[in-house]
Amino acid sequence: QVQPVESGGGLVQPGGSLRLSCAVSGSIFRMYVMGWYRQAPGKQRELVARVNQVGSTNYADSVKGRFTISRDNAKNTMYLQMNNLKPEDTAVYYCNAAPLVVTLHWGQGTQVTVSS
Protein backbone atom coordinates (compact mmCIF):
# COMPACT_ATOMS: atom_id res chain seq x y z
CA GLN A 1 0.00 0.00 0.00
CA VAL A 2 1.49 3.27 -1.19
CA GLN A 3 0.66 6.87 -0.29
CA PRO A 4 1.37 9.74 -2.70
CA VAL A 5 3.13 12.87 -1.47
CA GLU A 6 1.71 16.13 -2.81
CA SER A 7 3.53 19.47 -2.67
CA GLY A 8 3.57 22.94 -4.19
CA GLY A 9 0.41 24.48 -2.80
CA GLY A 10 0.19 27.92 -1.26
CA LEU A 11 -1.54 31.27 -1.20
CA VAL A 12 -1.81 33.08 -4.52
CA GLN A 13 -3.73 36.06 -5.83
CA PRO A 14 -6.44 35.67 -8.47
CA GLY A 15 -4.82 35.36 -11.87
CA GLY A 16 -1.68 33.85 -10.40
CA SER A 17 -0.05 30.48 -11.01
CA LEU A 18 1.11 27.48 -9.02
CA ARG A 19 2.73 24.17 -9.94
CA LEU A 20 1.80 21.13 -7.89
CA SER A 21 3.88 17.96 -7.71
CA CYS A 22 2.93 14.42 -6.74
CA ALA A 23 5.53 11.79 -5.94
CA VAL A 24 4.67 8.10 -5.72
CA SER A 25 7.32 5.68 -4.48
CA GLY A 26 7.91 2.37 -6.19
CA SER A 27 7.08 1.10 -9.62
CA ILE A 28 3.28 1.17 -9.44
CA PHE A 29 3.09 4.81 -10.58
CA ARG A 30 3.64 3.97 -14.22
CA MET A 31 0.98 1.25 -14.11
CA TYR A 32 -1.98 3.58 -13.67
CA VAL A 33 -3.87 6.44 -15.17
CA MET A 34 -3.23 9.18 -12.62
CA GLY A 35 -5.33 12.16 -11.68
CA TRP A 36 -5.47 15.33 -9.65
CA TYR A 37 -8.47 15.67 -7.38
CA ARG A 38 -9.56 18.58 -5.21
CA GLN A 39 -11.88 19.07 -2.28
CA ALA A 40 -13.20 22.47 -1.31
CA PRO A 41 -14.73 23.10 2.13
CA GLY A 42 -18.19 21.60 2.36
CA LYS A 43 -17.94 19.96 -1.05
CA GLN A 44 -17.22 16.48 -2.34
CA ARG A 45 -13.83 15.57 -3.72
CA GLU A 46 -13.78 15.96 -7.51
CA LEU A 47 -11.45 14.83 -10.26
CA VAL A 48 -10.12 17.84 -12.17
CA ALA A 49 -7.54 16.31 -14.51
CA ARG A 50 -6.07 12.96 -15.43
CA VAL A 51 -3.23 11.66 -17.55
CA ASN A 52 -2.78 8.15 -18.88
CA GLN A 53 0.40 6.12 -18.98
CA VAL A 54 1.53 7.65 -22.29
CA GLY A 55 0.55 11.24 -21.57
CA SER A 56 -2.95 11.66 -22.98
CA THR A 57 -4.94 14.05 -20.83
CA ASN A 58 -8.51 14.92 -19.83
CA TYR A 59 -9.79 17.91 -17.88
CA ALA A 60 -12.90 18.99 -16.06
CA ASP A 61 -14.66 21.85 -17.81
CA SER A 62 -13.99 24.11 -14.83
CA VAL A 63 -10.20 23.97 -15.36
CA LYS A 64 -9.89 23.36 -19.09
CA GLY A 65 -7.57 25.86 -20.72
CA ARG A 66 -6.07 26.94 -17.38
CA PHE A 67 -4.59 23.76 -15.88
CA THR A 68 -2.07 21.40 -17.48
CA ILE A 69 -1.41 17.91 -16.12
CA SER A 70 1.75 15.99 -16.95
CA ARG A 71 3.77 13.06 -15.67
CA ASP A 72 7.36 11.85 -15.66
CA ASN A 73 7.34 8.07 -15.38
CA ALA A 74 11.10 7.94 -14.93
CA LYS A 75 10.77 10.06 -11.78
CA ASN A 76 7.46 8.55 -10.58
CA THR A 77 6.13 12.09 -10.44
CA MET A 78 3.08 13.92 -11.72
CA TYR A 79 2.53 17.66 -12.04
CA LEU A 80 -0.31 20.13 -12.27
CA GLN A 81 0.47 23.54 -13.71
CA MET A 82 -2.30 25.90 -12.68
CA ASN A 83 -2.58 29.27 -14.41
CA ASN A 84 -5.11 32.09 -14.17
CA LEU A 85 -6.22 30.82 -10.78
CA LYS A 86 -9.64 31.82 -9.48
CA PRO A 87 -11.03 31.97 -5.94
CA GLU A 88 -13.20 28.97 -6.76
CA ASP A 89 -10.03 26.93 -7.28
CA THR A 90 -9.39 27.14 -3.53
CA ALA A 91 -9.26 23.58 -2.21
CA VAL A 92 -7.02 20.83 -0.94
CA TYR A 93 -5.50 19.11 -3.96
CA TYR A 94 -4.76 15.39 -3.97
CA CYS A 95 -3.29 12.99 -6.46
CA ASN A 96 -4.33 9.39 -6.93
CA ALA A 97 -5.09 6.84 -9.57
CA ALA A 98 -8.09 7.59 -11.77
CA PRO A 99 -10.07 5.42 -11.34
CA LEU A 100 -9.01 4.67 -7.76
CA VAL A 101 -7.16 1.45 -7.00
CA VAL A 102 -6.75 -0.43 -3.71
CA THR A 103 -2.95 -0.31 -3.85
CA LEU A 104 -2.71 3.50 -3.80
CA HIS A 105 -4.03 5.37 -0.79
CA TRP A 106 -4.89 9.04 -0.39
CA GLY A 107 -2.04 11.32 0.66
CA GLN A 108 -2.21 14.39 2.86
CA GLY A 109 -2.90 16.72 -0.03
CA THR A 110 -1.65 20.25 -0.55
CA GLN A 111 -3.68 23.37 0.19
CA VAL A 112 -4.26 25.89 -2.58
CA THR A 113 -5.79 29.21 -1.57
CA VAL A 114 -6.66 31.83 -4.15
CA SER A 115 -7.41 35.14 -2.52
CA SER A 116 -6.55 38.81 -2.77
C-alpha atoms as a PDB file:
ATOM      1  CA  GLN A   1       0.000   0.000   0.000  1.00  0.00           C
ATOM      2  CA  VAL A   2       1.494   3.273  -1.187  1.00  0.00           C
ATOM      3  CA  GLN A   3       0.664   6.867  -0.287  1.00  0.00           C
ATOM      4  CA  PRO A   4       1.373   9.737  -2.701  1.00  0.00           C
ATOM      5  CA  VAL A   5       3.132  12.871  -1.473  1.00  0.00           C
ATOM      6  CA  GLU A   6       1.711  16.126  -2.813  1.00  0.00           C
ATOM      7  CA  SER A   7       3.527  19.474  -2.668  1.00  0.00           C
ATOM      8  CA  GLY A   8       3.570  22.938  -4.190  1.00  0.00           C
ATOM      9  CA  GLY A   9       0.415  24.480  -2.798  1.00  0.00           C
ATOM     10  CA  GLY A  10       0.193  27.915  -1.259  1.00  0.00           C
ATOM     11  CA  LEU A  11      -1.543  31.274  -1.199  1.00  0.00           C
ATOM     12  CA  VAL A  12      -1.813  33.080  -4.523  1.00  0.00           C
ATOM     13  CA  GLN A  13      -3.730  36.059  -5.827  1.00  0.00           C
ATOM     14  CA  PRO A  14      -6.439  35.671  -8.468  1.00  0.00           C
ATOM     15  CA  GLY A  15      -4.818  35.363 -11.872  1.00  0.00           C
ATOM     16  CA  GLY A  16      -1.679  33.849 -10.402  1.00  0.00           C
ATOM     17  CA  SER A  17      -0.047  30.479 -11.010  1.00  0.00           C
ATOM     18  CA  LEU A  18       1.110  27.480  -9.016  1.00  0.00           C
ATOM     19  CA  ARG A  19       2.725  24.173  -9.935  1.00  0.00           C
ATOM     20  CA  LEU A  20       1.799  21.129  -7.886  1.00  0.00           C
ATOM     21  CA  SER A  21       3.877  17.957  -7.712  1.00  0.00           C
ATOM     22  CA  CYS A  22       2.926  14.419  -6.740  1.00  0.00           C
ATOM     23  CA  ALA A  23       5.535  11.792  -5.944  1.00  0.00           C
ATOM     24  CA  VAL A  24       4.669   8.099  -5.721  1.00  0.00           C
ATOM     25  CA  SER A  25       7.323   5.680  -4.480  1.00  0.00           C
ATOM     26  CA  GLY A  26       7.908   2.370  -6.188  1.00  0.00           C
ATOM     27  CA  SER A  27       7.080   1.098  -9.623  1.00  0.00           C
ATOM     28  CA  ILE A  28       3.280   1.170  -9.440  1.00  0.00           C
ATOM     29  CA  PHE A  29       3.087   4.806 -10.578  1.00  0.00           C
ATOM     30  CA  ARG A  30       3.642   3.971 -14.218  1.00  0.00           C
ATOM     31  CA  MET A  31       0.979   1.247 -14.115  1.00  0.00           C
ATOM     32  CA  TYR A  32      -1.982   3.579 -13.668  1.00  0.00           C
ATOM     33  CA  VAL A  33      -3.871   6.435 -15.171  1.00  0.00           C
ATOM     34  CA  MET A  34      -3.229   9.184 -12.618  1.00  0.00           C
ATOM     35  CA  GLY A  35      -5.327  12.162 -11.676  1.00  0.00           C
ATOM     36  CA  TRP A  36      -5.474  15.334  -9.650  1.00  0.00           C
ATOM     37  CA  TYR A  37      -8.467  15.674  -7.380  1.00  0.00           C
ATOM     38  CA  ARG A  38      -9.560  18.585  -5.211  1.00  0.00           C
ATOM     39  CA  GLN A  39     -11.879  19.071  -2.276  1.00  0.00           C
ATOM     40  CA  ALA A  40     -13.199  22.469  -1.305  1.00  0.00           C
ATOM     41  CA  PRO A  41     -14.727  23.098   2.129  1.00  0.00           C
ATOM     42  CA  GLY A  42     -18.190  21.596   2.357  1.00  0.00           C
ATOM     43  CA  LYS A  43     -17.935  19.959  -1.055  1.00  0.00           C
ATOM     44  CA  GLN A  44     -17.223  16.477  -2.341  1.00  0.00           C
ATOM     45  CA  ARG A  45     -13.831  15.567  -3.723  1.00  0.00           C
ATOM     46  CA  GLU A  46     -13.784  15.956  -7.507  1.00  0.00           C
ATOM     47  CA  LEU A  47     -11.446  14.827 -10.259  1.00  0.00           C
ATOM     48  CA  VAL A  48     -10.115  17.841 -12.166  1.00  0.00           C
ATOM     49  CA  ALA A  49      -7.544  16.314 -14.515  1.00  0.00           C
ATOM     50  CA  ARG A  50      -6.074  12.957 -15.428  1.00  0.00           C
ATOM     51  CA  VAL A  51      -3.235  11.665 -17.554  1.00  0.00           C
ATOM     52  CA  ASN A  52      -2.782   8.151 -18.877  1.00  0.00           C
ATOM     53  CA  GLN A  53       0.397   6.120 -18.978  1.00  0.00           C
ATOM     54  CA  VAL A  54       1.533   7.651 -22.289  1.00  0.00           C
ATOM     55  CA  GLY A  55       0.555  11.242 -21.568  1.00  0.00           C
ATOM     56  CA  SER A  56      -2.946  11.655 -22.975  1.00  0.00           C
ATOM     57  CA  THR A  57      -4.944  14.051 -20.827  1.00  0.00           C
ATOM     58  CA  ASN A  58      -8.507  14.919 -19.828  1.00  0.00           C
ATOM     59  CA  TYR A  59      -9.789  17.913 -17.879  1.00  0.00           C
ATOM     60  CA  ALA A  60     -12.901  18.987 -16.057  1.00  0.00           C
ATOM     61  CA  ASP A  61     -14.663  21.848 -17.811  1.00  0.00           C
ATOM     62  CA  SER A  62     -13.989  24.105 -14.828  1.00  0.00           C
ATOM     63  CA  VAL A  63     -10.204  23.973 -15.359  1.00  0.00           C
ATOM     64  CA  LYS A  64      -9.894  23.363 -19.095  1.00  0.00           C
ATOM     65  CA  GLY A  65      -7.570  25.859 -20.724  1.00  0.00           C
ATOM     66  CA  ARG A  66      -6.065  26.942 -17.385  1.00  0.00           C
ATOM     67  CA  PHE A  67      -4.594  23.760 -15.884  1.00  0.00           C
ATOM     68  CA  THR A  68      -2.066  21.395 -17.480  1.00  0.00           C
ATOM     69  CA  ILE A  69      -1.413  17.908 -16.124  1.00  0.00           C
ATOM     70  CA  SER A  70       1.747  15.991 -16.946  1.00  0.00           C
ATOM     71  CA  ARG A  71       3.765  13.056 -15.675  1.00  0.00           C
ATOM     72  CA  ASP A  72       7.356  11.853 -15.663  1.00  0.00           C
ATOM     73  CA  ASN A  73       7.337   8.073 -15.376  1.00  0.00           C
ATOM     74  CA  ALA A  74      11.101   7.943 -14.931  1.00  0.00           C
ATOM     75  CA  LYS A  75      10.770  10.064 -11.784  1.00  0.00           C
ATOM     76  CA  ASN A  76       7.461   8.547 -10.583  1.00  0.00           C
ATOM     77  CA  THR A  77       6.135  12.094 -10.440  1.00  0.00           C
ATOM     78  CA  MET A  78       3.083  13.917 -11.724  1.00  0.00           C
ATOM     79  CA  TYR A  79       2.535  17.656 -12.043  1.00  0.00           C
ATOM     80  CA  LEU A  80      -0.310  20.126 -12.274  1.00  0.00           C
ATOM     81  CA  GLN A  81       0.475  23.538 -13.711  1.00  0.00           C
ATOM     82  CA  MET A  82      -2.298  25.895 -12.685  1.00  0.00           C
ATOM     83  CA  ASN A  83      -2.583  29.266 -14.408  1.00  0.00           C
ATOM     84  CA  ASN A  84      -5.111  32.092 -14.169  1.00  0.00           C
ATOM     85  CA  LEU A  85      -6.222  30.816 -10.784  1.00  0.00           C
ATOM     86  CA  LYS A  86      -9.640  31.825  -9.484  1.00  0.00           C
ATOM     87  CA  PRO A  87     -11.027  31.971  -5.937  1.00  0.00           C
ATOM     88  CA  GLU A  88     -13.201  28.970  -6.762  1.00  0.00           C
ATOM     89  CA  ASP A  89     -10.030  26.928  -7.285  1.00  0.00           C
ATOM     90  CA  THR A  90      -9.386  27.144  -3.530  1.00  0.00           C
ATOM     91  CA  ALA A  91      -9.260  23.575  -2.212  1.00  0.00           C
ATOM     92  CA  VAL A  92      -7.025  20.826  -0.936  1.00  0.00           C
ATOM     93  CA  TYR A  93      -5.495  19.111  -3.959  1.00  0.00           C
ATOM     94  CA  TYR A  94      -4.757  15.388  -3.972  1.00  0.00           C
ATOM     95  CA  CYS A  95      -3.290  12.986  -6.465  1.00  0.00           C
ATOM     96  CA  ASN A  96      -4.329   9.390  -6.927  1.00  0.00           C
ATOM     97  CA  ALA A  97      -5.087   6.837  -9.566  1.00  0.00           C
ATOM     98  CA  ALA A  98      -8.090   7.585 -11.773  1.00  0.00           C
ATOM     99  CA  PRO A  99     -10.067   5.416 -11.337  1.00  0.00           C
ATOM    100  CA  LEU A 100      -9.008   4.665  -7.762  1.00  0.00           C
ATOM    101  CA  VAL A 101      -7.162   1.446  -7.002  1.00  0.00           C
ATOM    102  CA  VAL A 102      -6.746  -0.425  -3.715  1.00  0.00           C
ATOM    103  CA  THR A 103      -2.950  -0.311  -3.849  1.00  0.00           C
ATOM    104  CA  LEU A 104      -2.714   3.496  -3.802  1.00  0.00           C
ATOM    105  CA  HIS A 105      -4.027   5.371  -0.793  1.00  0.00           C
ATOM    106  CA  TRP A 106      -4.888   9.036  -0.385  1.00  0.00           C
ATOM    107  CA  GLY A 107      -2.042  11.317   0.658  1.00  0.00           C
ATOM    108  CA  GLN A 108      -2.212  14.390   2.858  1.00  0.00           C
ATOM    109  CA  GLY A 109      -2.903  16.723  -0.030  1.00  0.00           C
ATOM    110  CA  THR A 110      -1.651  20.249  -0.553  1.00  0.00           C
ATOM    111  CA  GLN A 111      -3.675  23.372   0.190  1.00  0.00           C
ATOM    112  CA  VAL A 112      -4.257  25.892  -2.578  1.00  0.00           C
ATOM    113  CA  THR A 113      -5.789  29.206  -1.566  1.00  0.00           C
ATOM    114  CA  VAL A 114      -6.657  31.832  -4.152  1.00  0.00           C
ATOM    115  CA  SER A 115      -7.409  35.145  -2.515  1.00  0.00           C
ATOM    116  CA  SER A 116      -6.553  38.812  -2.773  1.00  0.00           C
END
